[in-house]
Amino acid sequence: MAKPGHSWSRAPAGKEEEEEEGEDPLDARIARTGCLEQHRELQECMEQHRDWRHCQTELRAFGACMARREQRE
C-alpha cells in the first residue's frame, strides 16, 4: 500500500507533522535530486485536476529537472 504522503487527496505535510510521522522515503529521495519543488507542483496539479493531461506543464518541468540531474551525474 502506498504511503499517505503520495495520496492526491492529502495536502503536503507541515514540518511538525513530518517530524511526528517521519519523512516519506520517496520525498526524501526526490529532495536529494533537487527537484522536490517541481514534484510538489505536479502533485498539487494532480490533486486539483485528477487528470494528468491537465498537468503537462508541471510534468514536463519535473521531467526536465530530473533529466538535468541525470546529466550532472
Protein backbone atom coordinates (compact mmCIF):
# COMPACT_ATOMS: atom_id res chain seq x y z
CA MET A 1 0.00 0.00 0.00
CA ALA A 2 1.29 3.47 -0.88
CA LYS A 3 2.45 5.83 1.81
CA PRO A 4 -0.07 8.59 2.60
CA GLY A 5 2.43 11.29 1.56
CA HIS A 6 1.74 10.48 -2.08
CA SER A 7 -2.02 10.46 -1.99
CA TRP A 8 -3.54 13.16 -4.16
CA SER A 9 -6.23 13.83 -1.60
CA ARG A 10 -3.80 14.75 1.14
CA ALA A 11 -2.25 18.17 1.50
CA PRO A 12 1.56 18.32 1.89
CA ALA A 13 2.60 17.68 5.47
CA GLY A 14 3.79 20.54 7.62
CA LYS A 15 7.17 20.40 9.32
CA GLU A 16 5.69 19.39 12.69
CA GLU A 17 3.65 16.60 11.11
CA GLU A 18 6.68 15.28 9.21
CA GLU A 19 8.67 15.07 12.42
CA GLU A 20 5.88 13.12 14.11
CA GLU A 21 5.22 10.68 11.27
CA GLY A 22 8.69 10.58 9.76
CA GLU A 23 9.63 11.66 6.28
CA ASP A 24 8.23 9.81 3.30
CA PRO A 25 11.14 7.84 1.76
CA LEU A 26 10.13 8.80 -1.78
CA ASP A 27 10.00 12.50 -0.87
CA ALA A 28 13.45 12.15 0.70
CA ARG A 29 14.84 10.59 -2.49
CA ILE A 30 13.29 13.29 -4.68
CA ALA A 31 14.58 16.02 -2.35
CA ARG A 32 18.12 14.73 -2.89
CA THR A 33 17.69 15.23 -6.64
CA GLY A 34 16.96 18.94 -6.21
CA CYS A 35 13.58 18.51 -7.94
CA LEU A 36 11.30 18.47 -4.90
CA GLU A 37 9.62 21.78 -5.75
CA GLN A 38 8.70 20.58 -9.25
CA HIS A 39 7.46 17.30 -7.80
CA ARG A 40 5.23 19.09 -5.30
CA GLU A 41 3.83 21.37 -8.01
CA LEU A 42 2.98 18.27 -10.05
CA GLN A 43 1.32 16.66 -7.01
CA GLU A 44 -0.74 19.81 -6.38
CA CYS A 45 -1.86 19.90 -10.01
CA MET A 46 -2.85 16.23 -9.90
CA GLU A 47 -4.77 16.80 -6.68
CA GLN A 48 -6.63 19.72 -8.22
CA HIS A 49 -7.41 18.19 -11.64
CA ARG A 50 -7.27 14.44 -11.01
CA ASP A 51 -6.15 14.05 -14.63
CA TRP A 52 -2.51 14.05 -15.71
CA ARG A 53 -3.46 15.51 -19.10
CA HIS A 54 -4.17 18.83 -17.36
CA CYS A 55 -0.73 18.83 -15.72
CA GLN A 56 1.54 18.67 -18.76
CA THR A 57 3.44 21.86 -17.86
CA GLU A 58 4.23 20.56 -14.37
CA LEU A 59 5.03 17.08 -15.69
CA ARG A 60 7.49 18.48 -18.24
CA ALA A 61 9.13 20.73 -15.63
CA PHE A 62 9.64 17.78 -13.29
CA GLY A 63 10.93 15.60 -16.12
CA ALA A 64 13.35 18.30 -17.27
CA CYS A 65 14.66 18.76 -13.74
CA MET A 66 15.25 15.03 -13.37
CA ALA A 67 16.94 14.91 -16.80
CA ARG A 68 19.30 17.75 -15.80
CA ARG A 69 20.17 15.78 -12.66
CA GLU A 70 20.92 12.69 -14.74
CA GLN A 71 23.26 14.70 -16.97
CA ARG A 72 25.19 16.02 -13.96
CA GLU A 73 25.94 12.51 -12.73
